[in-house]
C-alpha atoms as a PDB file:
ATOM      1  CA  MET A   1    -129.317  60.092 135.800  1.00  0.00           C
ATOM      2  CA  ALA A   2    -130.236  59.921 132.137  1.00  0.00           C
ATOM      3  CA  SER A   3    -128.757  57.084 130.126  1.00  0.00           C
ATOM      4  CA  ARG A   4    -126.568  58.014 127.190  1.00  0.00           C
ATOM      5  CA  PRO A   5    -126.944  56.286 123.824  1.00  0.00           C
ATOM      6  CA  ALA A   6    -124.620  53.575 122.585  1.00  0.00           C
ATOM      7  CA  LEU A   7    -121.194  54.520 121.329  1.00  0.00           C
ATOM      8  CA  GLY A   8    -121.150  56.371 118.029  1.00  0.00           C
ATOM      9  CA  ALA A   9    -118.851  55.797 115.071  1.00  0.00           C
ATOM     10  CA  ALA A  10    -116.399  58.493 116.186  1.00  0.00           C
ATOM     11  CA  ASP A  11    -116.195  56.991 119.682  1.00  0.00           C
ATOM     12  CA  SER A  12    -115.654  53.492 118.305  1.00  0.00           C
ATOM     13  CA  ALA A  13    -112.918  54.794 116.005  1.00  0.00           C
ATOM     14  CA  ALA A  14    -111.131  56.453 118.933  1.00  0.00           C
ATOM     15  CA  ILE A  15    -111.383  53.260 120.991  1.00  0.00           C
ATOM     16  CA  ASP A  16    -109.903  51.273 118.101  1.00  0.00           C
ATOM     17  CA  GLY A  17    -107.088  53.799 118.045  1.00  0.00           C
ATOM     18  CA  LEU A  18    -106.540  53.352 121.785  1.00  0.00           C
ATOM     19  CA  ARG A  19    -106.257  49.606 121.272  1.00  0.00           C
ATOM     20  CA  GLY A  20    -103.775  50.250 118.503  1.00  0.00           C
ATOM     21  CA  LEU A  21    -101.795  52.522 120.825  1.00  0.00           C
ATOM     22  CA  ALA A  22    -101.785  49.797 123.486  1.00  0.00           C
ATOM     23  CA  ALA A  23    -100.441  47.264 120.980  1.00  0.00           C
ATOM     24  CA  LEU A  24     -97.710  49.660 119.811  1.00  0.00           C
ATOM     25  CA  ILE A  25     -96.674  50.367 123.412  1.00  0.00           C
ATOM     26  CA  VAL A  26     -96.181  46.638 123.985  1.00  0.00           C
ATOM     27  CA  VAL A  27     -94.187  46.211 120.758  1.00  0.00           C
ATOM     28  CA  ALA A  28     -92.016  49.258 121.433  1.00  0.00           C
ATOM     29  CA  SER A  29     -91.272  48.055 124.969  1.00  0.00           C
ATOM     30  CA  HIS A  30     -90.223  44.573 123.896  1.00  0.00           C
ATOM     31  CA  ALA A  31     -88.248  45.942 120.952  1.00  0.00           C
ATOM     32  CA  SER A  32     -86.268  48.154 123.322  1.00  0.00           C
ATOM     33  CA  GLY A  33     -85.746  45.169 125.588  1.00  0.00           C
ATOM     34  CA  MET A  34     -84.027  43.470 122.654  1.00  0.00           C
ATOM     35  CA  GLY A  35     -81.940  46.562 121.896  1.00  0.00           C
ATOM     36  CA  LEU A  36     -84.139  47.630 118.957  1.00  0.00           C
ATOM     37  CA  ASN A  37     -85.276  51.104 119.946  1.00  0.00           C
ATOM     38  CA  LEU A  38     -88.024  52.452 117.695  1.00  0.00           C
ATOM     39  CA  ILE A  39     -87.073  55.962 118.823  1.00  0.00           C
ATOM     40  CA  PRO A  40     -83.277  56.360 118.443  1.00  0.00           C
ATOM     41  CA  GLY A  41     -81.607  56.970 121.776  1.00  0.00           C
ATOM     42  CA  LEU A  42     -84.747  56.330 123.839  1.00  0.00           C
ATOM     43  CA  SER A  43     -85.419  52.963 125.436  1.00  0.00           C
ATOM     44  CA  LEU A  44     -89.074  52.216 126.065  1.00  0.00           C
ATOM     45  CA  ALA A  45     -88.272  48.999 127.917  1.00  0.00           C
ATOM     46  CA  GLY A  46     -90.523  48.451 130.901  1.00  0.00           C
ATOM     47  CA  THR A  47     -93.585  50.183 129.422  1.00  0.00           C
ATOM     48  CA  GLY A  48     -95.226  47.085 127.930  1.00  0.00           C
ATOM     49  CA  LYS A  49     -97.292  46.441 131.054  1.00  0.00           C
ATOM     50  CA  TYR A  50     -98.838  49.906 130.662  1.00  0.00           C
ATOM     51  CA  GLY A  51    -100.184  48.888 127.258  1.00  0.00           C
ATOM     52  CA  VAL A  52    -101.607  45.641 128.639  1.00  0.00           C
ATOM     53  CA  TYR A  53    -103.410  47.529 131.415  1.00  0.00           C
ATOM     54  CA  LEU A  54    -104.909  49.765 128.727  1.00  0.00           C
ATOM     55  CA  PHE A  55    -106.146  46.613 126.957  1.00  0.00           C
ATOM     56  CA  PHE A  56    -107.753  45.469 130.223  1.00  0.00           C
ATOM     57  CA  VAL A  57    -109.557  48.782 130.733  1.00  0.00           C
ATOM     58  CA  ILE A  58    -110.851  48.878 127.157  1.00  0.00           C
ATOM     59  CA  SER A  59    -112.083  45.267 127.231  1.00  0.00           C
ATOM     60  CA  ALA A  60    -113.881  45.805 130.528  1.00  0.00           C
ATOM     61  CA  PHE A  61    -115.376  49.053 129.237  1.00  0.00           C
ATOM     62  CA  LEU A  62    -116.666  47.655 125.951  1.00  0.00           C
ATOM     63  CA  LEU A  63    -118.094  44.395 127.279  1.00  0.00           C
ATOM     64  CA  THR A  64    -119.674  46.003 130.325  1.00  0.00           C
ATOM     65  CA  ASN A  65    -121.187  48.637 128.037  1.00  0.00           C
ATOM     66  CA  GLN A  66    -122.712  45.877 125.907  1.00  0.00           C
ATOM     67  CA  TRP A  67    -124.300  44.231 128.949  1.00  0.00           C
ATOM     68  CA  LEU A  68    -125.609  47.551 130.255  1.00  0.00           C
ATOM     69  CA  GLN A  69    -127.633  47.886 127.061  1.00  0.00           C
ATOM     70  CA  ALA A  70    -129.392  44.580 127.868  1.00  0.00           C
ATOM     71  CA  PRO A  71    -128.522  43.782 131.494  1.00  0.00           C
ATOM     72  CA  PRO A  72    -128.680  40.272 132.980  1.00  0.00           C
ATOM     73  CA  GLY A  73    -131.825  39.374 134.882  1.00  0.00           C
ATOM     74  CA  GLY A  74    -134.364  40.138 132.171  1.00  0.00           C
ATOM     75  CA  PRO A  75    -136.095  37.816 129.733  1.00  0.00           C
ATOM     76  CA  GLY A  76    -133.717  35.693 127.702  1.00  0.00           C
ATOM     77  CA  THR A  77    -130.791  36.149 130.078  1.00  0.00           C
ATOM     78  CA  SER A  78    -129.676  32.512 129.872  1.00  0.00           C
ATOM     79  CA  GLY A  79    -129.625  32.672 126.086  1.00  0.00           C
ATOM     80  CA  ALA A  80    -127.759  35.967 126.180  1.00  0.00           C
ATOM     81  CA  LEU A  81    -125.140  34.470 128.497  1.00  0.00           C
ATOM     82  CA  GLY A  82    -124.672  31.540 126.141  1.00  0.00           C
ATOM     83  CA  ARG A  83    -124.295  33.807 123.115  1.00  0.00           C
ATOM     84  CA  TYR A  84    -121.896  36.023 125.042  1.00  0.00           C
ATOM     85  CA  MET A  85    -119.618  33.109 125.950  1.00  0.00           C
ATOM     86  CA  VAL A  86    -119.674  31.691 122.425  1.00  0.00           C
ATOM     87  CA  ARG A  87    -118.573  35.053 121.047  1.00  0.00           C
ATOM     88  CA  ARG A  88    -115.837  35.433 123.667  1.00  0.00           C
ATOM     89  CA  VAL A  89    -114.473  31.944 123.001  1.00  0.00           C
ATOM     90  CA  PHE A  90    -114.479  32.442 119.245  1.00  0.00           C
ATOM     91  CA  ARG A  91    -112.855  35.859 119.650  1.00  0.00           C
ATOM     92  CA  ILE A  92    -109.892  34.571 121.656  1.00  0.00           C
ATOM     93  CA  TYR A  93    -109.333  30.879 121.125  1.00  0.00           C
ATOM     94  CA  PRO A  94    -108.943  30.344 117.351  1.00  0.00           C
ATOM     95  CA  LEU A  95    -105.901  32.596 116.879  1.00  0.00           C
ATOM     96  CA  TYR A  96    -104.562  31.807 120.347  1.00  0.00           C
ATOM     97  CA  ALA A  97    -104.731  28.045 119.667  1.00  0.00           C
ATOM     98  CA  VAL A  98    -103.068  28.411 116.262  1.00  0.00           C
ATOM     99  CA  VAL A  99    -100.208  30.451 117.726  1.00  0.00           C
ATOM    100  CA  LEU A 100     -99.693  27.950 120.547  1.00  0.00           C
ATOM    101  CA  LEU A 101     -99.728  24.950 118.185  1.00  0.00           C
ATOM    102  CA  VAL A 102     -97.363  26.577 115.687  1.00  0.00           C
ATOM    103  CA  GLY A 103     -95.056  27.502 118.548  1.00  0.00           C
ATOM    104  CA  TRP A 104     -95.074  23.865 119.651  1.00  0.00           C
ATOM    105  CA  LEU A 105     -94.309  22.557 116.155  1.00  0.00           C
ATOM    106  CA  LEU A 106     -91.483  24.973 115.325  1.00  0.00           C
ATOM    107  CA  PRO A 107     -88.039  24.083 116.694  1.00  0.00           C
ATOM    108  CA  ARG A 108     -87.567  27.530 118.256  1.00  0.00           C
ATOM    109  CA  GLY A 109     -91.220  28.272 118.882  1.00  0.00           C
ATOM    110  CA  LEU A 110     -92.785  31.677 118.282  1.00  0.00           C
ATOM    111  CA  GLY A 111     -90.720  33.613 120.756  1.00  0.00           C
ATOM    112  CA  VAL A 112     -92.018  31.552 123.709  1.00  0.00           C
ATOM    113  CA  PRO A 113     -90.801  27.966 124.398  1.00  0.00           C
ATOM    114  CA  MET A 114     -93.752  25.601 124.124  1.00  0.00           C
ATOM    115  CA  ASP A 115     -94.324  21.849 124.370  1.00  0.00           C
ATOM    116  CA  GLY A 116     -97.429  19.656 124.255  1.00  0.00           C
ATOM    117  CA  PRO A 117     -98.338  19.821 127.964  1.00  0.00           C
ATOM    118  CA  ALA A 118     -97.716  23.586 127.953  1.00  0.00           C
ATOM    119  CA  VAL A 119    -100.109  24.034 125.023  1.00  0.00           C
ATOM    120  CA  TRP A 120    -102.813  22.264 127.040  1.00  0.00           C
ATOM    121  CA  THR A 121    -102.215  24.231 130.242  1.00  0.00           C
ATOM    122  CA  HIS A 122    -102.357  27.466 128.244  1.00  0.00           C
ATOM    123  CA  LEU A 123    -105.575  26.522 126.476  1.00  0.00           C
ATOM    124  CA  THR A 124    -107.138  25.642 129.824  1.00  0.00           C
ATOM    125  CA  LEU A 125    -106.013  29.015 131.245  1.00  0.00           C
ATOM    126  CA  ARG A 126    -103.794  27.413 133.905  1.00  0.00           C
ATOM    127  CA  GLU A 127    -100.529  28.872 132.642  1.00  0.00           C
ATOM    128  CA  GLY A 128     -99.322  32.020 130.902  1.00  0.00           C
ATOM    129  CA  ARG A 129     -95.683  31.986 129.898  1.00  0.00           C
ATOM    130  CA  GLU A 130     -94.057  35.319 129.091  1.00  0.00           C
ATOM    131  CA  ILE A 131     -96.382  37.413 126.892  1.00  0.00           C
ATOM    132  CA  TYR A 132     -99.205  34.857 127.174  1.00  0.00           C
ATOM    133  CA  TRP A 133     -99.854  35.763 130.837  1.00  0.00           C
ATOM    134  CA  SER A 134    -102.527  38.325 129.964  1.00  0.00           C
ATOM    135  CA  VAL A 135    -104.792  35.928 128.041  1.00  0.00           C
ATOM    136  CA  PRO A 136    -106.040  33.839 131.007  1.00  0.00           C
ATOM    137  CA  VAL A 137    -106.376  36.982 133.112  1.00  0.00           C
ATOM    138  CA  GLU A 138    -108.598  38.730 130.592  1.00  0.00           C
ATOM    139  CA  PHE A 139    -110.693  35.650 129.864  1.00  0.00           C
ATOM    140  CA  LYS A 140    -111.382  35.137 133.569  1.00  0.00           C
ATOM    141  CA  TYR A 141    -112.788  38.643 133.805  1.00  0.00           C
ATOM    142  CA  TYR A 142    -115.055  37.893 130.855  1.00  0.00           C
ATOM    143  CA  LEU A 143    -116.824  35.471 133.207  1.00  0.00           C
ATOM    144  CA  ALA A 144    -117.273  38.165 135.843  1.00  0.00           C
ATOM    145  CA  ILE A 145    -118.569  40.930 133.578  1.00  0.00           C
ATOM    146  CA  PRO A 146    -122.252  39.819 133.525  1.00  0.00           C
ATOM    147  CA  LEU A 147    -122.276  39.870 137.328  1.00  0.00           C
ATOM    148  CA  VAL A 148    -120.671  43.320 137.423  1.00  0.00           C
ATOM    149  CA  ALA A 149    -123.157  44.569 134.824  1.00  0.00           C
ATOM    150  CA  TRP A 150    -126.054  43.146 136.850  1.00  0.00           C
ATOM    151  CA  LEU A 151    -124.899  45.222 139.822  1.00  0.00           C
ATOM    152  CA  LEU A 152    -124.478  48.381 137.738  1.00  0.00           C
ATOM    153  CA  ALA A 153    -127.876  47.935 136.041  1.00  0.00           C
ATOM    154  CA  SER A 154    -129.716  47.183 139.282  1.00  0.00           C
ATOM    155  CA  ARG A 155    -132.104  49.566 141.030  1.00  0.00           C
ATOM    156  CA  LEU A 156    -129.602  50.418 143.719  1.00  0.00           C
ATOM    157  CA  SER A 157    -128.837  54.106 144.070  1.00  0.00           C
ATOM    158  CA  PRO A 158    -125.623  55.351 142.423  1.00  0.00           C
ATOM    159  CA  GLY A 159    -124.084  55.846 145.859  1.00  0.00           C
ATOM    160  CA  TRP A 160    -124.534  52.182 146.756  1.00  0.00           C
ATOM    161  CA  LYS A 161    -123.128  51.135 143.392  1.00  0.00           C
ATOM    162  CA  TRP A 162    -120.032  53.265 143.869  1.00  0.00           C
ATOM    163  CA  LEU A 163    -119.649  51.831 147.357  1.00  0.00           C
ATOM    164  CA  ALA A 164    -119.867  48.266 146.006  1.00  0.00           C
ATOM    165  CA  LEU A 165    -117.242  49.005 143.356  1.00  0.00           C
ATOM    166  CA  ILE A 166    -114.901  50.666 145.845  1.00  0.00           C
ATOM    167  CA  MET A 167    -115.301  47.832 148.337  1.00  0.00           C
ATOM    168  CA  SER A 168    -114.575  45.295 145.582  1.00  0.00           C
ATOM    169  CA  VAL A 169    -111.349  47.103 144.744  1.00  0.00           C
ATOM    170  CA  LEU A 170    -110.311  47.384 148.399  1.00  0.00           C
ATOM    171  CA  LEU A 171    -111.079  43.719 149.017  1.00  0.00           C
ATOM    172  CA  SER A 172    -109.010  42.767 145.985  1.00  0.00           C
ATOM    173  CA  LEU A 173    -106.075  44.891 147.166  1.00  0.00           C
ATOM    174  CA  TRP A 174    -106.313  43.296 150.619  1.00  0.00           C
ATOM    175  CA  MET A 175    -106.512  39.711 149.375  1.00  0.00           C
ATOM    176  CA  PHE A 176    -103.944  40.207 146.597  1.00  0.00           C
ATOM    177  CA  PRO A 177    -101.409  42.782 147.867  1.00  0.00           C
ATOM    178  CA  PRO A 178     -99.772  44.383 144.800  1.00  0.00           C
ATOM    179  CA  SER A 179     -96.356  44.308 146.455  1.00  0.00           C
ATOM    180  CA  LEU A 180     -96.577  40.491 146.592  1.00  0.00           C
ATOM    181  CA  SER A 181     -97.913  40.036 143.065  1.00  0.00           C
ATOM    182  CA  PRO A 182     -95.635  37.729 141.038  1.00  0.00           C
ATOM    183  CA  LEU A 183     -94.335  39.044 137.743  1.00  0.00           C
ATOM    184  CA  ASN A 184     -96.736  38.022 134.965  1.00  0.00           C
ATOM    185  CA  SER A 185     -99.241  36.568 137.416  1.00  0.00           C
ATOM    186  CA  ILE A 186    -102.286  34.919 135.855  1.00  0.00           C
ATOM    187  CA  ALA A 187    -104.466  35.443 138.950  1.00  0.00           C
ATOM    188  CA  LEU A 188    -107.429  37.693 138.159  1.00  0.00           C
ATOM    189  CA  GLY A 189    -107.385  39.073 141.702  1.00  0.00           C
ATOM    190  CA  ASP A 190    -104.079  40.837 141.076  1.00  0.00           C
ATOM    191  CA  TYR A 191    -105.531  42.893 138.223  1.00  0.00           C
ATOM    192  CA  LEU A 192    -109.136  43.198 139.377  1.00  0.00           C
ATOM    193  CA  PRO A 193    -108.752  46.927 140.218  1.00  0.00           C
ATOM    194  CA  VAL A 194    -107.790  47.616 136.588  1.00  0.00           C
ATOM    195  CA  PHE A 195    -110.804  45.766 135.205  1.00  0.00           C
ATOM    196  CA  ILE A 196    -113.259  47.240 137.690  1.00  0.00           C
ATOM    197  CA  CYS A 197    -112.119  50.721 136.690  1.00  0.00           C
ATOM    198  CA  GLY A 198    -112.938  49.871 133.075  1.00  0.00           C
ATOM    199  CA  SER A 199    -116.389  48.557 133.992  1.00  0.00           C
ATOM    200  CA  ALA A 200    -117.089  51.585 136.193  1.00  0.00           C
ATOM    201  CA  THR A 201    -116.095  53.818 133.287  1.00  0.00           C
ATOM    202  CA  ALA A 202    -118.718  52.168 131.061  1.00  0.00           C
ATOM    203  CA  TRP A 203    -121.393  52.799 133.672  1.00  0.00           C
ATOM    204  CA  ALA A 204    -120.259  56.391 134.319  1.00  0.00           C
ATOM    205  CA  CYS A 205    -120.162  57.086 130.583  1.00  0.00           C
ATOM    206  CA  ARG A 206    -123.672  55.753 129.971  1.00  0.00           C
ATOM    207  CA  ALA A 207    -125.020  57.552 133.030  1.00  0.00           C
ATOM    208  CA  GLY A 208    -123.584  60.883 131.892  1.00  0.00           C
ATOM    209  CA  VAL A 209    -121.566  61.287 135.096  1.00  0.00           C
ATOM    210  CA  PHE A 210    -118.567  62.814 133.355  1.00  0.00           C
ATOM    211  CA  PRO A 211    -119.290  66.234 131.772  1.00  0.00           C
ATOM    212  CA  ALA A 212    -118.555  66.878 128.120  1.00  0.00           C
ATOM    213  CA  SER A 213    -115.977  69.465 127.154  1.00  0.00           C
ATOM    214  CA  SER A 214    -117.279  72.925 126.319  1.00  0.00           C
ATOM    215  CA  ALA A 215    -114.947  72.835 123.282  1.00  0.00           C
ATOM    216  CA  ALA A 216    -113.591  76.321 123.927  1.00  0.00           C
ATOM    217  CA  GLY A 217    -111.262  77.624 121.245  1.00  0.00           C
ATOM    218  CA  GLY A 218    -107.674  78.765 121.534  1.00  0.00           C
ATOM    219  CA  ALA A 219    -104.458  77.115 122.600  1.00  0.00           C
ATOM    220  CA  ALA A 220    -105.811  76.494 126.110  1.00  0.00           C
ATOM    221  CA  ARG A 221    -108.140  73.883 124.659  1.00  0.00           C
ATOM    222  CA  PHE A 222    -105.137  71.636 124.030  1.00  0.00           C
ATOM    223  CA  GLY A 223    -103.720  72.021 127.538  1.00  0.00           C
ATOM    224  CA  PRO A 224    -105.044  68.601 128.667  1.00  0.00           C
ATOM    225  CA  ASP A 225    -103.520  67.001 125.541  1.00  0.00           C
ATOM    226  CA  LEU A 226    -100.112  68.428 126.396  1.00  0.00           C
ATOM    227  CA  PHE A 227    -100.450  67.463 130.042  1.00  0.00           C
ATOM    228  CA  LEU A 228    -101.257  63.857 129.107  1.00  0.00           C
ATOM    229  CA  GLY A 229     -98.225  63.680 126.820  1.00  0.00           C
ATOM    230  CA  VAL A 230     -95.926  64.934 129.580  1.00  0.00           C
ATOM    231  CA  LEU A 231     -97.496  62.556 132.094  1.00  0.00           C
ATOM    232  CA  MET A 232     -97.042  59.551 129.816  1.00  0.00           C
ATOM    233  CA  ALA A 233     -93.428  60.496 129.150  1.00  0.00           C
ATOM    234  CA  ALA A 234     -92.854  60.649 132.904  1.00  0.00           C
ATOM    235  CA  THR A 235     -93.871  56.991 133.237  1.00  0.00           C
ATOM    236  CA  VAL A 236     -91.027  55.803 130.979  1.00  0.00           C
ATOM    237  CA  PRO A 237     -88.237  54.396 133.188  1.00  0.00           C
ATOM    238  CA  ALA A 238     -85.505  55.635 130.831  1.00  0.00           C
ATOM    239  CA  VAL A 239     -86.872  59.191 131.030  1.00  0.00           C
ATOM    240  CA  LEU A 240     -86.947  59.067 134.818  1.00  0.00           C
ATOM    241  CA  GLN A 241     -83.403  57.692 134.871  1.00  0.00           C
ATOM    242  CA  THR A 242     -82.265  60.567 132.654  1.00  0.00           C
ATOM    243  CA  LEU A 243     -83.765  62.975 135.180  1.00  0.00           C
ATOM    244  CA  GLY A 244     -81.720  61.328 137.920  1.00  0.00           C
ATOM    245  CA  ALA A 245     -84.410  59.146 139.498  1.00  0.00           C
ATOM    246  CA  GLN A 246     -83.859  55.579 140.614  1.00  0.00           C
ATOM    247  CA  ALA A 247     -86.298  53.927 138.225  1.00  0.00           C
ATOM    248  CA  PRO A 248     -86.069  50.160 137.661  1.00  0.00           C
ATOM    249  CA  LEU A 249     -87.964  48.809 134.677  1.00  0.00           C
ATOM    250  CA  ASP A 250     -90.725  47.384 136.881  1.00  0.00           C
ATOM    251  CA  LEU A 251     -91.140  50.592 138.908  1.00  0.00           C
ATOM    252  CA  LEU A 252     -94.837  51.034 138.042  1.00  0.00           C
ATOM    253  CA  HIS A 253     -95.764  47.483 137.054  1.00  0.00           C
ATOM    254  CA  ARG A 254     -97.658  46.732 140.256  1.00  0.00           C
ATOM    255  CA  GLN A 255     -99.543  50.027 140.518  1.00  0.00           C
ATOM    256  CA  PHE A 256    -102.715  48.309 139.349  1.00  0.00           C
ATOM    257  CA  LEU A 257    -105.255  50.712 140.787  1.00  0.00           C
ATOM    258  CA  ALA A 258    -103.309  53.750 139.617  1.00  0.00           C
ATOM    259  CA  TRP A 259    -103.175  52.412 136.051  1.00  0.00           C
ATOM    260  CA  GLY A 260    -106.854  51.477 136.112  1.00  0.00           C
ATOM    261  CA  VAL A 261    -107.811  54.988 137.173  1.00  0.00           C
ATOM    262  CA  PHE A 262    -105.359  56.620 134.769  1.00  0.00           C
ATOM    263  CA  TRP A 263    -106.403  54.749 131.636  1.00  0.00           C
ATOM    264  CA  SER A 264    -110.084  55.041 132.552  1.00  0.00           C
ATOM    265  CA  LEU A 265    -109.739  58.815 132.827  1.00  0.00           C
ATOM    266  CA  VAL A 266    -107.918  58.910 129.494  1.00  0.00           C
ATOM    267  CA  LEU A 267    -110.716  56.897 127.890  1.00  0.00           C
ATOM    268  CA  LEU A 268    -113.414  59.109 129.383  1.00  0.00           C
ATOM    269  CA  CYS A 269    -111.607  62.306 128.382  1.00  0.00           C
ATOM    270  CA  VAL A 270    -111.224  61.071 124.803  1.00  0.00           C
ATOM    271  CA  LEU A 271    -114.909  60.147 124.554  1.00  0.00           C
ATOM    272  CA  ARG A 272    -116.141  63.344 126.206  1.00  0.00           C
ATOM    273  CA  GLY A 273    -114.016  65.738 124.155  1.00  0.00           C
ATOM    274  CA  TRP A 274    -111.445  66.790 126.771  1.00  0.00           C
ATOM    275  CA  LEU A 275    -108.505  65.521 124.678  1.00  0.00           C
ATOM    276  CA  PRO A 276    -109.254  66.808 121.169  1.00  0.00           C
ATOM    277  CA  ALA A 277    -105.751  66.353 119.765  1.00  0.00           C
ATOM    278  CA  TRP A 278    -105.421  62.851 121.160  1.00  0.00           C
ATOM    279  CA  ALA A 279    -108.888  61.914 119.924  1.00  0.00           C
ATOM    280  CA  ALA A 280    -108.064  63.127 116.421  1.00  0.00           C
ATOM    281  CA  ALA A 281    -104.784  61.195 116.423  1.00  0.00           C
ATOM    282  CA  LEU A 282    -106.476  58.046 117.699  1.00  0.00           C
ATOM    283  CA  ARG A 283    -108.948  58.173 114.816  1.00  0.00           C
ATOM    284  CA  TRP A 284    -106.068  58.035 112.312  1.00  0.00           C
ATOM    285  CA  PRO A 285    -106.990  55.059 110.053  1.00  0.00           C
ATOM    286  CA  PRO A 286    -103.625  53.221 110.343  1.00  0.00           C
ATOM    287  CA  LEU A 287    -103.869  53.384 114.136  1.00  0.00           C
ATOM    288  CA  GLN A 288    -107.462  52.133 113.976  1.00  0.00           C
ATOM    289  CA  ALA A 289    -106.230  49.233 111.837  1.00  0.00           C
ATOM    290  CA  CYS A 290    -103.661  48.407 114.515  1.00  0.00           C
ATOM    291  CA  GLY A 291    -106.534  48.355 116.983  1.00  0.00           C
ATOM    292  CA  ARG A 292    -108.481  45.854 114.879  1.00  0.00           C
ATOM    293  CA  TRP A 293    -105.378  43.659 114.567  1.00  0.00           C
ATOM    294  CA  CYS A 294    -104.255  44.197 118.161  1.00  0.00           C
ATOM    295  CA  PHE A 295    -104.629  40.603 119.360  1.00  0.00           C
ATOM    296  CA  GLY A 296    -102.546  39.285 116.489  1.00  0.00           C
ATOM    297  CA  ILE A 297     -99.958  42.014 117.013  1.00  0.00           C
ATOM    298  CA  TYR A 298     -99.747  41.098 120.681  1.00  0.00           C
ATOM    299  CA  LEU A 299     -99.351  37.363 120.054  1.00  0.00           C
ATOM    300  CA  LEU A 300     -96.978  37.588 117.078  1.00  0.00           C
ATOM    301  CA  HIS A 301     -94.727  40.602 117.617  1.00  0.00           C
ATOM    302  CA  MET A 302     -91.994  38.708 119.486  1.00  0.00           C
ATOM    303  CA  PRO A 303     -91.128  36.292 116.639  1.00  0.00           C
ATOM    304  CA  ALA A 304     -91.367  39.236 114.226  1.00  0.00           C
ATOM    305  CA  LEU A 305     -88.793  41.176 116.258  1.00  0.00           C
ATOM    306  CA  HIS A 306     -86.499  38.136 116.542  1.00  0.00           C
ATOM    307  CA  LEU A 307     -86.698  37.640 112.784  1.00  0.00           C
ATOM    308  CA  ALA A 308     -85.972  41.298 112.044  1.00  0.00           C
ATOM    309  CA  LYS A 309     -82.942  41.255 114.329  1.00  0.00           C
ATOM    310  CA  ARG A 310     -81.403  38.495 112.212  1.00  0.00           C
ATOM    311  CA  LEU A 311     -81.945  40.218 108.861  1.00  0.00           C
ATOM    312  CA  PRO A 312     -78.898  41.765 107.140  1.00  0.00           C
ATOM    313  CA  LEU A 313     -80.217  45.318 107.461  1.00  0.00           C
ATOM    314  CA  PRO A 314     -78.898  48.504 109.075  1.00  0.00           C
ATOM    315  CA  GLU A 315     -79.152  48.110 112.841  1.00  0.00           C
ATOM    316  CA  PHE A 316     -81.275  51.237 113.327  1.00  0.00           C
ATOM    317  CA  SER A 317     -83.988  49.753 111.084  1.00  0.00           C
ATOM    318  CA  HIS A 318     -84.408  46.407 112.847  1.00  0.00           C
ATOM    319  CA  GLY A 319     -87.098  47.594 115.263  1.00  0.00           C
ATOM    320  CA  TRP A 320     -89.218  49.199 112.558  1.00  0.00           C
ATOM    321  CA  VAL A 321     -88.820  46.191 110.271  1.00  0.00           C
ATOM    322  CA  GLY A 322     -89.926  43.946 113.131  1.00  0.00           C
ATOM    323  CA  LEU A 323     -92.955  46.153 113.696  1.00  0.00           C
ATOM    324  CA  ALA A 324     -93.798  46.040 109.981  1.00  0.00           C
ATOM    325  CA  ILE A 325     -93.559  42.241 109.957  1.00  0.00           C
ATOM    326  CA  ALA A 326     -95.771  42.026 113.053  1.00  0.00           C
ATOM    327  CA  LEU A 327     -98.392  44.284 111.465  1.00  0.00           C
ATOM    328  CA  ALA A 328     -98.381  42.322 108.213  1.00  0.00           C
ATOM    329  CA  VAL A 329     -98.685  38.929 109.896  1.00  0.00           C
ATOM    330  CA  ALA A 330    -101.364  40.202 112.274  1.00  0.00           C
ATOM    331  CA  ALA A 331    -103.358  41.630 109.358  1.00  0.00           C
ATOM    332  CA  VAL A 332    -103.257  38.254 107.600  1.00  0.00           C
ATOM    333  CA  ALA A 333    -104.210  36.437 110.814  1.00  0.00           C
ATOM    334  CA  HIS A 334    -107.127  38.825 111.278  1.00  0.00           C
ATOM    335  CA  LEU A 335    -108.344  38.175 107.742  1.00  0.00           C
ATOM    336  CA  VAL A 336    -107.770  34.420 107.675  1.00  0.00           C
ATOM    337  CA  ILE A 337    -108.503  33.380 111.275  1.00  0.00           C
ATOM    338  CA  GLU A 338    -110.179  36.042 113.394  1.00  0.00           C
ATOM    339  CA  LEU A 339    -112.838  37.309 110.987  1.00  0.00           C
ATOM    340  CA  PRO A 340    -113.991  33.823 109.888  1.00  0.00           C
ATOM    341  CA  ALA A 341    -114.114  32.751 113.545  1.00  0.00           C
ATOM    342  CA  MET A 342    -116.291  35.743 114.441  1.00  0.00           C
ATOM    343  CA  ARG A 343    -118.571  35.007 111.487  1.00  0.00           C
ATOM    344  CA  TRP A 344    -118.957  31.444 112.745  1.00  0.00           C
ATOM    345  CA  ALA A 345    -119.753  32.775 116.207  1.00  0.00           C
ATOM    346  CA  GLY A 346    -122.379  35.068 114.670  1.00  0.00           C
ATOM    347  CA  ARG A 347    -124.042  32.160 112.860  1.00  0.00           C
ATOM    348  CA  ILE A 348    -124.058  29.977 115.960  1.00  0.00           C
ATOM    349  CA  THR A 349    -125.503  32.667 118.187  1.00  0.00           C
ATOM    350  CA  ARG A 350    -128.134  33.626 115.625  1.00  0.00           C
ATOM    351  CA  ARG A 351    -129.299  30.007 115.451  1.00  0.00           C
ATOM    352  CA  ARG A 352    -129.475  29.867 119.242  1.00  0.00           C
ATOM    353  CA  ALA A 353    -131.393  33.135 119.361  1.00  0.00           C
END
């Protein structure tokens, strides 16, 4: 199978938009959980996990795609691994450490109770209280990505590669039964099916496995866009409850493989032109900005929502004010902490190279 070129600017913009969408899903879910519905009359509580699983798929996709361009095993692999880890550490830890330390110093924390020992266990990826659970999970998969990329870039036939991926997922489901997964588990094994789907998507995309849309005109072209919208609405517990279904908030939280497949298909369809309306919406500059600030939005939206709830403003506006505060603080954090950290990582890795 012929290898496809690296992602273009339009693809990268759509992926940024997807990350922004994931961040907004998390914020909207937690806002509804606090009684601050962003959409009047519609609770989005219980959907935050869906956004996190989208983050997992995108991270696995992007980092696996990077390794597939220069797979492990060739000349300079040890140096590439070192540069990779430096960049991953500098991407996550500076803002994460600042948020943890500020949460420890403030009397009420930053939405998550924190003390000195808890700061250390979080920094060493041994604990993940409340919203912080996803950070150790994602960082652990960072360590596995070079190995996964080595398999996908090897000379094995595509059939053997698919078999290895499928067996990895089945082994994970057997060793970590989803029905027994604790809420907010920090064990990578629980979420491995989600990540493997993202990595497989990177390989399938580069190998040209998924066909591009023929871009036929007419209303039928937007049928998949409409179908995706209906399908996403059907995953909202409040919508299912309105339709008479027994739908607890955690109804779909442990459907790890289903979410990995779903978000991977969405990503592929966006990149290959099967969701033209969604792709256009995802390239909307404000949504792309949310994607660039997504880590800060994720870490800081809870204190922003708590602050907004206490402001003397009309009740219907509290959720949107909290979102605005989260976006503003995340934008500042991106400018002041994340970008300088990534520049430092770039200098360090260039010196090592």
